[in-house]
N, C-alpha and C. Protein backbone atom coordinates (compact mmCIF):
# COMPACT_ATOMS: atom_id res chain seq x y z
N MET A 1 -14.08 -5.59 14.51
CA MET A 1 -12.64 -5.23 14.44
C MET A 1 -11.99 -3.92 14.57
N ALA A 2 -12.56 -3.10 14.15
CA ALA A 2 -11.99 -1.38 14.43
C ALA A 2 -12.07 -1.38 15.75
N GLU A 3 -12.91 -1.82 16.59
CA GLU A 3 -13.38 -1.47 18.25
C GLU A 3 -12.08 -2.24 18.44
N ASP A 4 -11.85 -3.26 18.66
CA ASP A 4 -10.38 -4.22 18.97
C ASP A 4 -9.25 -3.32 18.75
N LEU A 5 -9.27 -2.73 17.64
CA LEU A 5 -7.74 -2.34 16.97
C LEU A 5 -7.94 -0.98 18.06
N LYS A 6 -8.72 0.04 18.36
CA LYS A 6 -9.09 1.00 19.19
C LYS A 6 -8.58 0.70 20.77
N GLU A 7 -9.24 -0.09 21.09
CA GLU A 7 -8.71 -0.76 22.22
C GLU A 7 -7.29 -1.10 22.50
N THR A 8 -6.93 -1.47 21.57
CA THR A 8 -5.49 -2.38 21.48
C THR A 8 -4.61 -0.63 21.57
N ILE A 9 -4.96 -0.03 20.66
CA ILE A 9 -3.78 1.25 20.41
C ILE A 9 -4.36 1.78 22.10
N ARG A 10 -5.29 2.01 22.79
CA ARG A 10 -5.84 2.60 24.16
C ARG A 10 -4.50 1.94 25.08
N GLU A 11 -4.79 0.26 25.14
CA GLU A 11 -3.68 -0.23 26.14
C GLU A 11 -2.46 0.07 25.65
N THR A 12 -2.18 -0.17 24.28
CA THR A 12 -0.67 0.21 23.91
C THR A 12 -0.18 1.46 24.74
N ALA A 13 -1.09 2.62 24.13
CA ALA A 13 -0.49 3.73 24.88
C ALA A 13 -0.22 4.10 26.07
N GLN A 14 -0.85 3.30 27.08
CA GLN A 14 -0.93 3.24 28.54
C GLN A 14 0.01 2.32 29.21
N GLY A 15 0.75 1.41 28.68
CA GLY A 15 1.54 0.42 29.00
C GLY A 15 3.07 0.56 28.78
N PRO A 16 3.87 -0.11 29.12
CA PRO A 16 5.21 0.34 28.83
C PRO A 16 5.48 -0.36 27.49
N LYS A 17 6.43 0.28 26.77
CA LYS A 17 7.04 -0.24 25.37
C LYS A 17 7.31 -1.84 25.52
N ARG A 18 8.54 -1.70 26.58
CA ARG A 18 9.15 -3.14 26.98
C ARG A 18 9.27 -3.63 28.18
N VAL A 19 8.88 -4.79 28.82
CA VAL A 19 9.16 -5.26 29.75
C VAL A 19 10.30 -6.54 29.99
N THR A 20 11.08 -6.33 31.10
CA THR A 20 12.05 -7.52 31.28
C THR A 20 11.92 -7.98 32.84
N GLY A 21 11.97 -9.63 32.60
CA GLY A 21 11.98 -10.13 33.97
C GLY A 21 12.55 -11.21 33.95
N ASP A 22 12.44 -12.10 34.93
CA ASP A 22 13.43 -13.54 35.35
C ASP A 22 13.12 -14.34 33.94
N SER A 23 12.00 -14.48 33.66
CA SER A 23 11.50 -15.31 32.59
C SER A 23 11.49 -15.02 31.33
N GLY A 24 12.04 -13.65 30.98
CA GLY A 24 12.28 -13.44 29.50
C GLY A 24 11.62 -11.78 29.26
N SER A 25 11.53 -11.48 28.41
CA SER A 25 11.31 -10.26 28.22
C SER A 25 10.02 -9.86 26.72
N VAL A 26 8.93 -8.96 26.98
CA VAL A 26 7.94 -8.93 25.95
C VAL A 26 8.23 -7.48 25.65
N GLU A 27 7.92 -7.21 24.46
CA GLU A 27 7.80 -5.76 23.89
C GLU A 27 6.42 -5.57 23.22
N GLN A 28 5.85 -4.21 23.50
CA GLN A 28 4.25 -4.16 22.84
C GLN A 28 4.64 -4.14 21.04
N GLN A 29 4.01 -3.82 20.18
CA GLN A 29 3.60 -3.55 19.08
C GLN A 29 4.12 -2.09 18.98
N ASP A 30 4.54 -1.53 17.99
CA ASP A 30 4.87 0.01 17.81
C ASP A 30 3.62 0.32 17.81
N LEU A 31 3.30 1.54 18.47
CA LEU A 31 2.37 2.71 18.18
C LEU A 31 2.09 3.17 17.13
N GLY A 32 3.01 3.66 16.52
CA GLY A 32 3.04 4.31 15.40
C GLY A 32 2.14 3.33 14.20
N GLN A 33 2.63 2.20 14.50
CA GLN A 33 2.16 1.26 13.46
C GLN A 33 0.30 1.02 13.34
N LEU A 34 0.43 0.94 14.82
CA LEU A 34 -1.16 0.50 15.37
C LEU A 34 -1.89 1.87 14.76
N ILE A 35 -1.52 3.16 15.00
CA ILE A 35 -2.31 4.22 14.41
C ILE A 35 -2.47 4.36 13.08
N GLU A 36 -1.39 3.67 12.40
CA GLU A 36 -1.60 3.61 10.67
C GLU A 36 -2.57 2.83 10.31
N ALA A 37 -2.42 1.96 11.04
CA ALA A 37 -3.54 0.56 10.66
C ALA A 37 -4.86 1.12 10.80
N ASP A 38 -4.93 1.74 12.16
CA ASP A 38 -6.62 2.15 12.19
C ASP A 38 -7.01 3.41 11.27
N ARG A 39 -5.89 4.26 10.96
CA ARG A 39 -6.07 5.36 10.07
C ARG A 39 -6.86 4.35 8.51
N TYR A 40 -5.87 3.34 8.41
CA TYR A 40 -6.03 2.67 6.95
C TYR A 40 -7.49 1.93 7.06
N LEU A 41 -7.74 1.54 8.06
CA LEU A 41 -9.21 0.76 8.38
C LEU A 41 -10.22 1.85 8.01
N ALA A 42 -10.14 2.86 8.75
CA ALA A 42 -11.02 3.85 8.76
C ALA A 42 -11.42 4.62 7.20
N SER A 43 -10.32 4.61 6.59
CA SER A 43 -10.42 5.24 5.22
C SER A 43 -11.27 3.99 4.58
N LYS A 44 -10.50 2.69 4.77
CA LYS A 44 -11.31 1.83 3.85
C LYS A 44 -13.09 1.82 4.17
N ASP A 45 -13.34 1.89 5.41
CA ASP A 45 -14.78 1.84 5.76
C ASP A 45 -15.31 3.32 5.42
N ALA A 46 -14.54 4.12 5.13
CA ALA A 46 -15.54 5.41 4.49
C ALA A 46 -15.54 5.38 3.17
N GLY A 47 -14.74 4.61 2.30
CA GLY A 47 -14.81 4.51 0.80
C GLY A 47 -15.87 3.24 0.97
N LYS A 48 -16.21 2.58 1.68
CA LYS A 48 -17.23 1.73 1.35
C LYS A 48 -18.78 2.17 1.42
N LYS A 49 -18.73 3.20 2.42
CA LYS A 49 -19.80 3.85 2.64
C LYS A 49 -20.42 4.85 1.88
N GLY A 50 -19.10 5.55 1.19
CA GLY A 50 -19.29 6.66 -0.06
C GLY A 50 -19.66 5.81 -1.05
N LEU A 51 -19.56 4.56 -1.29
CA LEU A 51 -19.94 3.97 -2.65
C LEU A 51 -21.64 3.79 -2.78
N LYS A 52 -21.80 3.39 -1.47
CA LYS A 52 -23.47 3.59 -1.61
C LYS A 52 -24.34 4.53 -1.68
N ALA A 53 -23.68 5.56 -1.45
CA ALA A 53 -24.59 6.62 -1.80
C ALA A 53 -24.70 7.45 -3.27
N ILE A 54 -23.67 7.06 -4.33
CA ILE A 54 -23.46 7.32 -5.17
C ILE A 54 -24.67 6.51 -6.46
N ARG A 55 -25.52 7.58 -6.85
CA ARG A 55 -26.44 6.95 -8.04
C ARG A 55 -26.09 7.88 -8.99
N ARG A 56 -26.52 6.88 -10.22
CA ARG A 56 -25.95 7.37 -11.39
C ARG A 56 -27.63 7.66 -11.94
N THR A 57 -27.66 8.77 -12.42
CA THR A 57 -29.04 9.36 -13.25
C THR A 57 -28.81 9.94 -14.82
N LYS A 58 -29.85 9.25 -15.53
CA LYS A 58 -29.65 9.80 -16.86
C LYS A 58 -30.45 11.08 -17.05
N VAL A 59 -29.91 12.10 -17.44
CA VAL A 59 -30.62 13.41 -17.56
C VAL A 59 -30.84 13.73 -19.19
N ILE A 60 -32.17 13.92 -19.25
CA ILE A 60 -32.72 14.32 -20.55
C ILE A 60 -33.54 15.41 -20.63
N PRO A 61 -32.90 16.50 -21.57
CA PRO A 61 -33.60 17.68 -21.41
C PRO A 61 -35.15 17.97 -22.13
N PRO A 62 -35.85 18.38 -21.61
CA PRO A 62 -37.17 18.45 -22.62
C PRO A 62 -37.05 19.12 -24.20
N GLY A 63 -37.79 18.15 -24.68
CA GLY A 63 -37.70 18.40 -26.60
C GLY A 63 -36.81 17.61 -27.03
N ALA A 64 -36.06 17.12 -26.28
CA ALA A 64 -34.94 15.94 -26.90
C ALA A 64 -35.24 14.48 -27.33
N SER A 65 -35.13 14.44 -28.45
CA SER A 65 -35.90 13.13 -28.56
C SER A 65 -34.90 11.95 -29.33
């Protein structure tokens, strides 16, 4: 999914924002919104990866009973 979004951002940045012809007009998605969506998904993925690395450990000092 993230790769699809990156490809969409790349294509949108290279193409025109709006095209008008005899049969109608077409407008691309806003590039800023696509970039924000990419950042959101990247932060969401980073959060998931970070949670897997956390381990809880109980430390008992020597001599404590």
